[in-house]
Amino acid sequence: MGHSIRRVFAPIERKMRKYCEVDSISLPNYSLRGLALNIKTAVNAVRKGKYDVVHITGAEHYLIPFLRLVTRNKVVVTVHDMASLSLKSNGARVALKHL
């Protein structure tokens, strides 16, 4: 099944729980059609919570502008894999660097 970010991040999350309160939100859909559902799920969760920091640990970077609309707190992103920046297509490389 490979290494999901959730599984890789779990030990870090456990360690963080010793020092602060941590909530995890799993998004319901990983398809292009599911983007709207993911956005709604994340925005609703952040609206309900009282968070100092919202940390995105997977490929859901597209959530940043939506989360910034509903929280005044920090939105932090961890990028786990930059290998795609070495793509031969210059257009793809420029787009990924911009994101």
PDB file of N, CA and C in Angstrom:
ATOM      1  N   MET A   1       0.811  -1.198   0.000  1.00  0.00           N
ATOM      2  CA  MET A   1       0.000   0.000   0.000  1.00  0.00           C
ATOM      3  C   MET A   1       0.856   1.264   0.000  1.00  0.00           C
ATOM      4  N   GLY A   2       2.125   1.158   0.248  1.00  0.00           N
ATOM      5  CA  GLY A   2       2.979   2.337   0.218  1.00  0.00           C
ATOM      6  C   GLY A   2       2.957   3.078   1.547  1.00  0.00           C
ATOM      7  N   HIS A   3       3.568   4.237   1.554  1.00  0.00           N
ATOM      8  CA  HIS A   3       3.663   5.041   2.767  1.00  0.00           C
ATOM      9  C   HIS A   3       2.753   6.259   2.644  1.00  0.00           C
ATOM     10  N   SER A   4       1.668   6.257   3.366  1.00  0.00           N
ATOM     11  CA  SER A   4       0.810   7.437   3.356  1.00  0.00           C
ATOM     12  C   SER A   4       1.399   8.466   4.306  1.00  0.00           C
ATOM     13  N   ILE A   5       1.135   9.717   4.037  1.00  0.00           N
ATOM     14  CA  ILE A   5       1.609  10.796   4.905  1.00  0.00           C
ATOM     15  C   ILE A   5       1.027  10.616   6.299  1.00  0.00           C
ATOM     16  N   ARG A   6      -0.199  10.165   6.385  1.00  0.00           N
ATOM     17  CA  ARG A   6      -0.850   9.957   7.685  1.00  0.00           C
ATOM     18  C   ARG A   6      -0.047   8.991   8.541  1.00  0.00           C
ATOM     19  N   ARG A   7       0.388   7.897   7.946  1.00  0.00           N
ATOM     20  CA  ARG A   7       1.160   6.892   8.678  1.00  0.00           C
ATOM     21  C   ARG A   7       2.544   7.427   9.035  1.00  0.00           C
ATOM     22  N   VAL A   8       3.143   8.160   8.133  1.00  0.00           N
ATOM     23  CA  VAL A   8       4.471   8.712   8.381  1.00  0.00           C
ATOM     24  C   VAL A   8       4.416   9.775   9.480  1.00  0.00           C
ATOM     25  N   PHE A   9       3.336  10.564   9.505  1.00  0.00           N
ATOM     26  CA  PHE A   9       3.229  11.656  10.459  1.00  0.00           C
ATOM     27  C   PHE A   9       2.745  11.206  11.841  1.00  0.00           C
ATOM     28  N   ALA A  10       2.164  10.018  11.963  1.00  0.00           N
ATOM     29  CA  ALA A  10       1.590   9.530  13.222  1.00  0.00           C
ATOM     30  C   ALA A  10       2.569   9.596  14.401  1.00  0.00           C
ATOM     31  N   PRO A  11       3.828   9.172  14.273  1.00  0.00           N
ATOM     32  CA  PRO A  11       4.738   9.259  15.423  1.00  0.00           C
ATOM     33  C   PRO A  11       5.005  10.717  15.863  1.00  0.00           C
ATOM     34  N   ILE A  12       5.040  11.616  14.915  1.00  0.00           N
ATOM     35  CA  ILE A  12       5.237  13.030  15.247  1.00  0.00           C
ATOM     36  C   ILE A  12       4.019  13.543  16.004  1.00  0.00           C
ATOM     37  N   GLU A  13       2.852  13.173  15.532  1.00  0.00           N
ATOM     38  CA  GLU A  13       1.610  13.584  16.187  1.00  0.00           C
ATOM     39  C   GLU A  13       1.556  13.063  17.623  1.00  0.00           C
ATOM     40  N   ARG A  14       1.926  11.806  17.830  1.00  0.00           N
ATOM     41  CA  ARG A  14       1.932  11.242  19.191  1.00  0.00           C
ATOM     42  C   ARG A  14       2.863  12.028  20.108  1.00  0.00           C
ATOM     43  N   LYS A  15       4.018  12.380  19.603  1.00  0.00           N
ATOM     44  CA  LYS A  15       4.984  13.157  20.402  1.00  0.00           C
ATOM     45  C   LYS A  15       4.429  14.548  20.713  1.00  0.00           C
ATOM     46  N   MET A  16       3.799  15.174  19.733  1.00  0.00           N
ATOM     47  CA  MET A  16       3.224  16.509  19.928  1.00  0.00           C
ATOM     48  C   MET A  16       2.159  16.497  21.020  1.00  0.00           C
ATOM     49  N   ARG A  17       1.397  15.418  21.113  1.00  0.00           N
ATOM     50  CA  ARG A  17       0.320  15.314  22.104  1.00  0.00           C
ATOM     51  C   ARG A  17       0.848  15.419  23.537  1.00  0.00           C
ATOM     52  N   LYS A  18       2.131  15.152  23.743  1.00  0.00           N
ATOM     53  CA  LYS A  18       2.715  15.291  25.075  1.00  0.00           C
ATOM     54  C   LYS A  18       2.830  16.761  25.488  1.00  0.00           C
ATOM     55  N   TYR A  19       2.847  17.651  24.495  1.00  0.00           N
ATOM     56  CA  TYR A  19       3.110  19.064  24.762  1.00  0.00           C
ATOM     57  C   TYR A  19       1.940  20.001  24.462  1.00  0.00           C
ATOM     58  N   CYS A  20       0.988  19.539  23.645  1.00  0.00           N
ATOM     59  CA  CYS A  20      -0.121  20.405  23.267  1.00  0.00           C
ATOM     60  C   CYS A  20      -1.309  19.565  22.808  1.00  0.00           C
ATOM     61  N   GLU A  21      -2.443  20.225  22.674  1.00  0.00           N
ATOM     62  CA  GLU A  21      -3.638  19.555  22.179  1.00  0.00           C
ATOM     63  C   GLU A  21      -3.550  19.429  20.657  1.00  0.00           C
ATOM     64  N   VAL A  22      -3.876  18.264  20.141  1.00  0.00           N
ATOM     65  CA  VAL A  22      -3.766  17.996  18.704  1.00  0.00           C
ATOM     66  C   VAL A  22      -5.067  17.358  18.214  1.00  0.00           C
ATOM     67  N   ASP A  23      -5.592  17.869  17.118  1.00  0.00           N
ATOM     68  CA  ASP A  23      -6.719  17.250  16.422  1.00  0.00           C
ATOM     69  C   ASP A  23      -6.242  16.860  15.035  1.00  0.00           C
ATOM     70  N   SER A  24      -6.740  15.749  14.542  1.00  0.00           N
ATOM     71  CA  SER A  24      -6.438  15.320  13.175  1.00  0.00           C
ATOM     72  C   SER A  24      -7.733  15.284  12.386  1.00  0.00           C
ATOM     73  N   ILE A  25      -7.676  15.796  11.193  1.00  0.00           N
ATOM     74  CA  ILE A  25      -8.830  15.780  10.309  1.00  0.00           C
ATOM     75  C   ILE A  25      -8.446  14.977   9.074  1.00  0.00           C
ATOM     76  N   SER A  26      -9.177  13.922   8.814  1.00  0.00           N
ATOM     77  CA  SER A  26      -8.948  13.133   7.606  1.00  0.00           C
ATOM     78  C   SER A  26      -9.983  13.559   6.574  1.00  0.00           C
ATOM     79  N   LEU A  27      -9.526  13.825   5.389  1.00  0.00           N
ATOM     80  CA  LEU A  27     -10.429  14.259   4.328  1.00  0.00           C
ATOM     81  C   LEU A  27     -11.109  13.053   3.692  1.00  0.00           C
ATOM     82  N   PRO A  28     -12.360  13.227   3.283  1.00  0.00           N
ATOM     83  CA  PRO A  28     -13.156  12.079   2.841  1.00  0.00           C
ATOM     84  C   PRO A  28     -12.905  11.599   1.424  1.00  0.00           C
ATOM     85  N   ASN A  29     -12.302  12.422   0.557  1.00  0.00           N
ATOM     86  CA  ASN A  29     -12.268  12.046  -0.847  1.00  0.00           C
ATOM     87  C   ASN A  29     -10.940  12.432  -1.484  1.00  0.00           C
ATOM     88  N   TYR A  30     -10.396  11.540  -2.286  1.00  0.00           N
ATOM     89  CA  TYR A  30      -9.129  11.818  -2.957  1.00  0.00           C
ATOM     90  C   TYR A  30      -9.268  11.737  -4.469  1.00  0.00           C
ATOM     91  N   SER A  31     -10.307  12.376  -4.977  1.00  0.00           N
ATOM     92  CA  SER A  31     -10.492  12.447  -6.422  1.00  0.00           C
ATOM     93  C   SER A  31     -10.707  13.898  -6.808  1.00  0.00           C
ATOM     94  N   LEU A  32     -10.604  14.184  -8.078  1.00  0.00           N
ATOM     95  CA  LEU A  32     -10.817  15.553  -8.545  1.00  0.00           C
ATOM     96  C   LEU A  32     -12.230  16.022  -8.208  1.00  0.00           C
ATOM     97  N   ARG A  33     -13.191  15.146  -8.340  1.00  0.00           N
ATOM     98  CA  ARG A  33     -14.578  15.498  -8.002  1.00  0.00           C
ATOM     99  C   ARG A  33     -14.744  15.765  -6.507  1.00  0.00           C
ATOM    100  N   GLY A  34     -13.898  15.173  -5.707  1.00  0.00           N
ATOM    101  CA  GLY A  34     -14.023  15.302  -4.263  1.00  0.00           C
ATOM    102  C   GLY A  34     -13.407  16.557  -3.680  1.00  0.00           C
ATOM    103  N   LEU A  35     -12.801  17.395  -4.504  1.00  0.00           N
ATOM    104  CA  LEU A  35     -12.145  18.601  -3.981  1.00  0.00           C
ATOM    105  C   LEU A  35     -13.115  19.475  -3.194  1.00  0.00           C
ATOM    106  N   ALA A  36     -14.296  19.693  -3.718  1.00  0.00           N
ATOM    107  CA  ALA A  36     -15.278  20.543  -3.032  1.00  0.00           C
ATOM    108  C   ALA A  36     -15.662  19.942  -1.683  1.00  0.00           C
ATOM    109  N   LEU A  37     -15.837  18.629  -1.630  1.00  0.00           N
ATOM    110  CA  LEU A  37     -16.167  17.966  -0.371  1.00  0.00           C
ATOM    111  C   LEU A  37     -15.019  18.093   0.632  1.00  0.00           C
ATOM    112  N   ASN A  38     -13.789  17.951   0.157  1.00  0.00           N
ATOM    113  CA  ASN A  38     -12.630  18.113   1.026  1.00  0.00           C
ATOM    114  C   ASN A  38     -12.546  19.535   1.572  1.00  0.00           C
ATOM    115  N   ILE A  39     -12.774  20.509   0.717  1.00  0.00           N
ATOM    116  CA  ILE A  39     -12.736  21.909   1.141  1.00  0.00           C
ATOM    117  C   ILE A  39     -13.800  22.154   2.212  1.00  0.00           C
ATOM    118  N   LYS A  40     -15.007  21.682   1.966  1.00  0.00           N
ATOM    119  CA  LYS A  40     -16.104  21.863   2.920  1.00  0.00           C
ATOM    120  C   LYS A  40     -15.774  21.187   4.252  1.00  0.00           C
ATOM    121  N   THR A  41     -15.249  19.977   4.211  1.00  0.00           N
ATOM    122  CA  THR A  41     -14.901  19.234   5.424  1.00  0.00           C
ATOM    123  C   THR A  41     -13.845  19.973   6.235  1.00  0.00           C
ATOM    124  N   ALA A  42     -12.787  20.430   5.570  1.00  0.00           N
ATOM    125  CA  ALA A  42     -11.699  21.122   6.267  1.00  0.00           C
ATOM    126  C   ALA A  42     -12.163  22.458   6.835  1.00  0.00           C
ATOM    127  N   VAL A  43     -12.884  23.228   6.053  1.00  0.00           N
ATOM    128  CA  VAL A  43     -13.368  24.542   6.504  1.00  0.00           C
ATOM    129  C   VAL A  43     -14.302  24.375   7.706  1.00  0.00           C
ATOM    130  N   ASN A  44     -15.218  23.418   7.646  1.00  0.00           N
ATOM    131  CA  ASN A  44     -16.136  23.192   8.766  1.00  0.00           C
ATOM    132  C   ASN A  44     -15.388  22.775  10.031  1.00  0.00           C
ATOM    133  N   ALA A  45     -14.398  21.925   9.884  1.00  0.00           N
ATOM    134  CA  ALA A  45     -13.623  21.476  11.042  1.00  0.00           C
ATOM    135  C   ALA A  45     -12.853  22.629  11.669  1.00  0.00           C
ATOM    136  N   VAL A  46     -12.253  23.467  10.834  1.00  0.00           N
ATOM    137  CA  VAL A  46     -11.479  24.600  11.359  1.00  0.00           C
ATOM    138  C   VAL A  46     -12.407  25.631  11.995  1.00  0.00           C
ATOM    139  N   ARG A  47     -13.570  25.840  11.418  1.00  0.00           N
ATOM    140  CA  ARG A  47     -14.554  26.761  12.015  1.00  0.00           C
ATOM    141  C   ARG A  47     -14.969  26.310  13.411  1.00  0.00           C
ATOM    142  N   LYS A  48     -15.146  25.007  13.596  1.00  0.00           N
ATOM    143  CA  LYS A  48     -15.608  24.466  14.874  1.00  0.00           C
ATOM    144  C   LYS A  48     -14.512  24.459  15.937  1.00  0.00           C
ATOM    145  N   GLY A  49     -13.269  24.294  15.500  1.00  0.00           N
ATOM    146  CA  GLY A  49     -12.167  24.173  16.447  1.00  0.00           C
ATOM    147  C   GLY A  49     -11.622  25.517  16.893  1.00  0.00           C
ATOM    148  N   LYS A  50     -10.909  25.486  17.989  1.00  0.00           N
ATOM    149  CA  LYS A  50     -10.217  26.674  18.508  1.00  0.00           C
ATOM    150  C   LYS A  50      -8.718  26.395  18.365  1.00  0.00           C
ATOM    151  N   TYR A  51      -8.193  26.652  17.176  1.00  0.00           N
ATOM    152  CA  TYR A  51      -6.818  26.271  16.882  1.00  0.00           C
ATOM    153  C   TYR A  51      -5.888  27.476  16.865  1.00  0.00           C
ATOM    154  N   ASP A  52      -4.702  27.297  17.414  1.00  0.00           N
ATOM    155  CA  ASP A  52      -3.655  28.310  17.304  1.00  0.00           C
ATOM    156  C   ASP A  52      -2.946  28.179  15.959  1.00  0.00           C
ATOM    157  N   VAL A  53      -2.811  26.932  15.513  1.00  0.00           N
ATOM    158  CA  VAL A  53      -2.122  26.638  14.256  1.00  0.00           C
ATOM    159  C   VAL A  53      -2.906  25.558  13.520  1.00  0.00           C
ATOM    160  N   VAL A  54      -3.041  25.724  12.206  1.00  0.00           N
ATOM    161  CA  VAL A  54      -3.619  24.695  11.344  1.00  0.00           C
ATOM    162  C   VAL A  54      -2.463  24.189  10.488  1.00  0.00           C
ATOM    163  N   HIS A  55      -2.171  22.900  10.590  1.00  0.00           N
ATOM    164  CA  HIS A  55      -1.018  22.314   9.908  1.00  0.00           C
ATOM    165  C   HIS A  55      -1.487  21.319   8.860  1.00  0.00           C
ATOM    166  N   ILE A  56      -1.135  21.555   7.624  1.00  0.00           N
ATOM    167  CA  ILE A  56      -1.457  20.650   6.519  1.00  0.00           C
ATOM    168  C   ILE A  56      -0.223  19.801   6.259  1.00  0.00           C
ATOM    169  N   THR A  57      -0.386  18.475   6.310  1.00  0.00           N
ATOM    170  CA  THR A  57       0.780  17.603   6.165  1.00  0.00           C
ATOM    171  C   THR A  57       0.775  16.772   4.898  1.00  0.00           C
ATOM    172  N   GLY A  58      -0.231  16.887   4.096  1.00  0.00           N
ATOM    173  CA  GLY A  58      -0.294  16.084   2.876  1.00  0.00           C
ATOM    174  C   GLY A  58      -0.293  16.954   1.641  1.00  0.00           C
ATOM    175  N   ALA A  59      -0.882  16.450   0.596  1.00  0.00           N
ATOM    176  CA  ALA A  59      -0.900  17.149  -0.695  1.00  0.00           C
ATOM    177  C   ALA A  59      -2.065  18.122  -0.819  1.00  0.00           C
ATOM    178  N   GLU A  60      -2.717  18.418   0.276  1.00  0.00           N
ATOM    179  CA  GLU A  60      -3.908  19.256   0.242  1.00  0.00           C
ATOM    180  C   GLU A  60      -3.576  20.742   0.362  1.00  0.00           C
ATOM    181  N   HIS A  61      -2.531  21.162  -0.314  1.00  0.00           N
ATOM    182  CA  HIS A  61      -2.111  22.570  -0.260  1.00  0.00           C
ATOM    183  C   HIS A  61      -3.189  23.505  -0.801  1.00  0.00           C
ATOM    184  N   TYR A  62      -4.050  22.989  -1.652  1.00  0.00           N
ATOM    185  CA  TYR A  62      -5.127  23.802  -2.233  1.00  0.00           C
ATOM    186  C   TYR A  62      -6.096  24.319  -1.163  1.00  0.00           C
ATOM    187  N   LEU A  63      -6.042  23.762   0.048  1.00  0.00           N
ATOM    188  CA  LEU A  63      -6.929  24.194   1.127  1.00  0.00           C
ATOM    189  C   LEU A  63      -6.523  25.533   1.737  1.00  0.00           C
ATOM    190  N   ILE A  64      -5.289  25.933   1.542  1.00  0.00           N
ATOM    191  CA  ILE A  64      -4.764  27.129   2.219  1.00  0.00           C
ATOM    192  C   ILE A  64      -5.658  28.355   2.043  1.00  0.00           C
ATOM    193  N   PRO A  65      -6.013  28.770   0.840  1.00  0.00           N
ATOM    194  CA  PRO A  65      -6.823  29.994   0.725  1.00  0.00           C
ATOM    195  C   PRO A  65      -8.184  29.873   1.406  1.00  0.00           C
ATOM    196  N   PHE A  66      -8.771  28.701   1.397  1.00  0.00           N
ATOM    197  CA  PHE A  66     -10.080  28.501   2.022  1.00  0.00           C
ATOM    198  C   PHE A  66      -9.969  28.535   3.545  1.00  0.00           C
ATOM    199  N   LEU A  67      -8.915  27.940   4.070  1.00  0.00           N
ATOM    200  CA  LEU A  67      -8.723  27.944   5.513  1.00  0.00           C
ATOM    201  C   LEU A  67      -8.380  29.336   6.026  1.00  0.00           C
ATOM    202  N   ARG A  68      -7.645  30.091   5.238  1.00  0.00           N
ATOM    203  CA  ARG A  68      -7.302  31.466   5.640  1.00  0.00           C
ATOM    204  C   ARG A  68      -8.550  32.346   5.711  1.00  0.00           C
ATOM    205  N   LEU A  69      -9.603  31.989   4.991  1.00  0.00           N
ATOM    206  CA  LEU A  69     -10.855  32.748   5.052  1.00  0.00           C
ATOM    207  C   LEU A  69     -11.586  32.555   6.376  1.00  0.00           C
ATOM    208  N   VAL A  70     -11.378  31.422   7.035  1.00  0.00           N
ATOM    209  CA  VAL A  70     -12.143  31.109   8.244  1.00  0.00           C
ATOM    210  C   VAL A  70     -11.329  31.137   9.528  1.00  0.00           C
ATOM    211  N   THR A  71     -10.035  31.370   9.437  1.00  0.00           N
ATOM    212  CA  THR A  71      -9.213  31.436  10.645  1.00  0.00           C
ATOM    213  C   THR A  71      -8.231  32.590  10.552  1.00  0.00           C
ATOM    214  N   ARG A  72      -8.048  33.244  11.648  1.00  0.00           N
ATOM    215  CA  ARG A  72      -7.032  34.303  11.721  1.00  0.00           C
ATOM    216  C   ARG A  72      -5.690  33.716  12.157  1.00  0.00           C
ATOM    217  N   ASN A  73      -5.710  32.466  12.522  1.00  0.00           N
ATOM    218  CA  ASN A  73      -4.505  31.818  13.018  1.00  0.00           C
ATOM    219  C   ASN A  73      -3.610  31.368  11.876  1.00  0.00           C
ATOM    220  N   LYS A  74      -2.479  30.861  12.231  1.00  0.00           N
ATOM    221  CA  LYS A  74      -1.480  30.457  11.248  1.00  0.00           C
ATOM    222  C   LYS A  74      -1.897  29.175  10.537  1.00  0.00           C
ATOM    223  N   VAL A  75      -1.662  29.156   9.239  1.00  0.00           N
ATOM    224  CA  VAL A  75      -1.823  27.938   8.450  1.00  0.00           C
ATOM    225  C   VAL A  75      -0.421  27.558   7.980  1.00  0.00           C
ATOM    226  N   VAL A  76       0.030  26.378   8.393  1.00  0.00           N
ATOM    227  CA  VAL A  76       1.372  25.906   8.101  1.00  0.00           C
ATOM    228  C   VAL A  76       1.276  24.682   7.206  1.00  0.00           C
ATOM    229  N   VAL A  77       2.183  24.581   6.257  1.00  0.00           N
ATOM    230  CA  VAL A  77       2.198  23.438   5.343  1.00  0.00           C
ATOM    231  C   VAL A  77       3.568  22.770   5.414  1.00  0.00           C
ATOM    232  N   THR A  78       3.561  21.452   5.510  1.00  0.00           N
ATOM    233  CA  THR A  78       4.799  20.686   5.410  1.00  0.00           C
ATOM    234  C   THR A  78       4.793  19.995   4.050  1.00  0.00           C
ATOM    235  N   VAL A  79       5.785  20.276   3.245  1.00  0.00           N
ATOM    236  CA  VAL A  79       5.920  19.640   1.929  1.00  0.00           C
ATOM    237  C   VAL A  79       6.888  18.477   2.101  1.00  0.00           C
ATOM    238  N   HIS A  80       6.393  17.274   1.887  1.00  0.00           N
ATOM    239  CA  HIS A  80       7.173  16.071   2.162  1.00  0.00           C
ATOM    240  C   HIS A  80       7.989  15.573   0.978  1.00  0.00           C
ATOM    241  N   ASP A  81       7.654  16.008  -0.213  1.00  0.00           N
ATOM    242  CA  ASP A  81       8.334  15.450  -1.380  1.00  0.00           C
ATOM    243  C   ASP A  81       8.454  16.521  -2.455  1.00  0.00           C
ATOM    244  N   MET A  82       9.665  16.901  -2.773  1.00  0.00           N
ATOM    245  CA  MET A  82       9.897  17.915  -3.796  1.00  0.00           C
ATOM    246  C   MET A  82      10.443  17.300  -5.083  1.00  0.00           C
ATOM    247  N   ALA A  83      10.403  15.986  -5.194  1.00  0.00           N
ATOM    248  CA  ALA A  83      10.956  15.313  -6.368  1.00  0.00           C
ATOM    249  C   ALA A  83      10.277  15.756  -7.653  1.00  0.00           C
ATOM    250  N   SER A  84       9.010  16.124  -7.576  1.00  0.00           N
ATOM    251  CA  SER A  84       8.299  16.525  -8.784  1.00  0.00           C
ATOM    252  C   SER A  84       8.859  17.817  -9.379  1.00  0.00           C
ATOM    253  N   LEU A  85       9.637  18.571  -8.618  1.00  0.00           N
ATOM    254  CA  LEU A  85      10.245  19.783  -9.163  1.00  0.00           C
ATOM    255  C   LEU A  85      11.346  19.468 -10.168  1.00  0.00           C
ATOM    256  N   SER A  86      11.786  18.230 -10.189  1.00  0.00           N
ATOM    257  CA  SER A  86      12.820  17.852 -11.142  1.00  0.00           C
ATOM    258  C   SER A  86      12.228  17.357 -12.462  1.00  0.00           C
ATOM    259  N   LEU A  87      10.942  17.573 -12.663  1.00  0.00           N
ATOM    260  CA  LEU A  87      10.301  17.179 -13.919  1.00  0.00           C
ATOM    261  C   LEU A  87      10.973  17.870 -15.098  1.00  0.00           C
ATOM    262  N   LYS A  88      11.017  17.220 -16.221  1.00  0.00           N
ATOM    263  CA  LYS A  88      11.663  17.789 -17.399  1.00  0.00           C
ATOM    264  C   LYS A  88      10.844  18.921 -18.010  1.00  0.00           C
ATOM    265  N   SER A  89       9.528  18.873 -17.840  1.00  0.00           N
ATOM    266  CA  SER A  89       8.667  19.899 -18.404  1.00  0.00           C
ATOM    267  C   SER A  89       8.853  21.212 -17.660  1.00  0.00           C
ATOM    268  N   ASN A  90       9.344  22.216 -18.349  1.00  0.00           N
ATOM    269  CA  ASN A  90       9.603  23.506 -17.718  1.00  0.00           C
ATOM    270  C   ASN A  90       8.318  24.140 -17.191  1.00  0.00           C
ATOM    271  N   GLY A  91       7.206  24.005 -17.924  1.00  0.00           N
ATOM    272  CA  GLY A  91       5.934  24.562 -17.492  1.00  0.00           C
ATOM    273  C   GLY A  91       5.465  23.953 -16.175  1.00  0.00           C
ATOM    274  N   ALA A  92       5.595  22.631 -16.046  1.00  0.00           N
ATOM    275  CA  ALA A  92       5.201  21.950 -14.806  1.00  0.00           C
ATOM    276  C   ALA A  92       6.103  22.380 -13.658  1.00  0.00           C
ATOM    277  N   ARG A  93       7.400  22.511 -13.913  1.00  0.00           N
ATOM    278  CA  ARG A  93       8.345  22.928 -12.885  1.00  0.00           C
ATOM    279  C   ARG A  93       8.015  24.336 -12.384  1.00  0.00           C
ATOM    280  N   VAL A  94       7.743  25.243 -13.300  1.00  0.00           N
ATOM    281  CA  VAL A  94       7.410  26.620 -12.921  1.00  0.00           C
ATOM    282  C   VAL A  94       6.111  26.640 -12.103  1.00  0.00           C
ATOM    283  N   ALA A  95       5.113  25.886 -12.531  1.00  0.00           N
ATOM    284  CA  ALA A  95       3.832  25.855 -11.823  1.00  0.00           C
ATOM    285  C   ALA A  95       4.007  25.291 -10.418  1.00  0.00           C
ATOM    286  N   LEU A  96       4.768  24.215 -10.281  1.00  0.00           N
ATOM    287  CA  LEU A  96       4.981  23.615  -8.965  1.00  0.00           C
ATOM    288  C   LEU A  96       5.773  24.534  -8.041  1.00  0.00           C
ATOM    289  N   LYS A  97       6.775  25.217  -8.567  1.00  0.00           N
ATOM    290  CA  LYS A  97       7.540  26.152  -7.748  1.00  0.00           C
ATOM    291  C   LYS A  97       6.661  27.290  -7.272  1.00  0.00           C
ATOM    292  N   HIS A  98       5.741  27.736  -8.139  1.00  0.00           N
ATOM    293  CA  HIS A  98       4.830  28.813  -7.762  1.00  0.00           C
ATOM    294  C   HIS A  98       3.922  28.385  -6.623  1.00  0.00           C
ATOM    295  N   LEU A  99       3.436  27.162  -6.693  1.00  0.00           N
ATOM    296  CA  LEU A  99       2.558  26.666  -5.631  1.00  0.00           C
ATOM    297  C   LEU A  99       3.319  26.513  -4.341  1.00  0.00           C
TER     298      LEU A  99
END
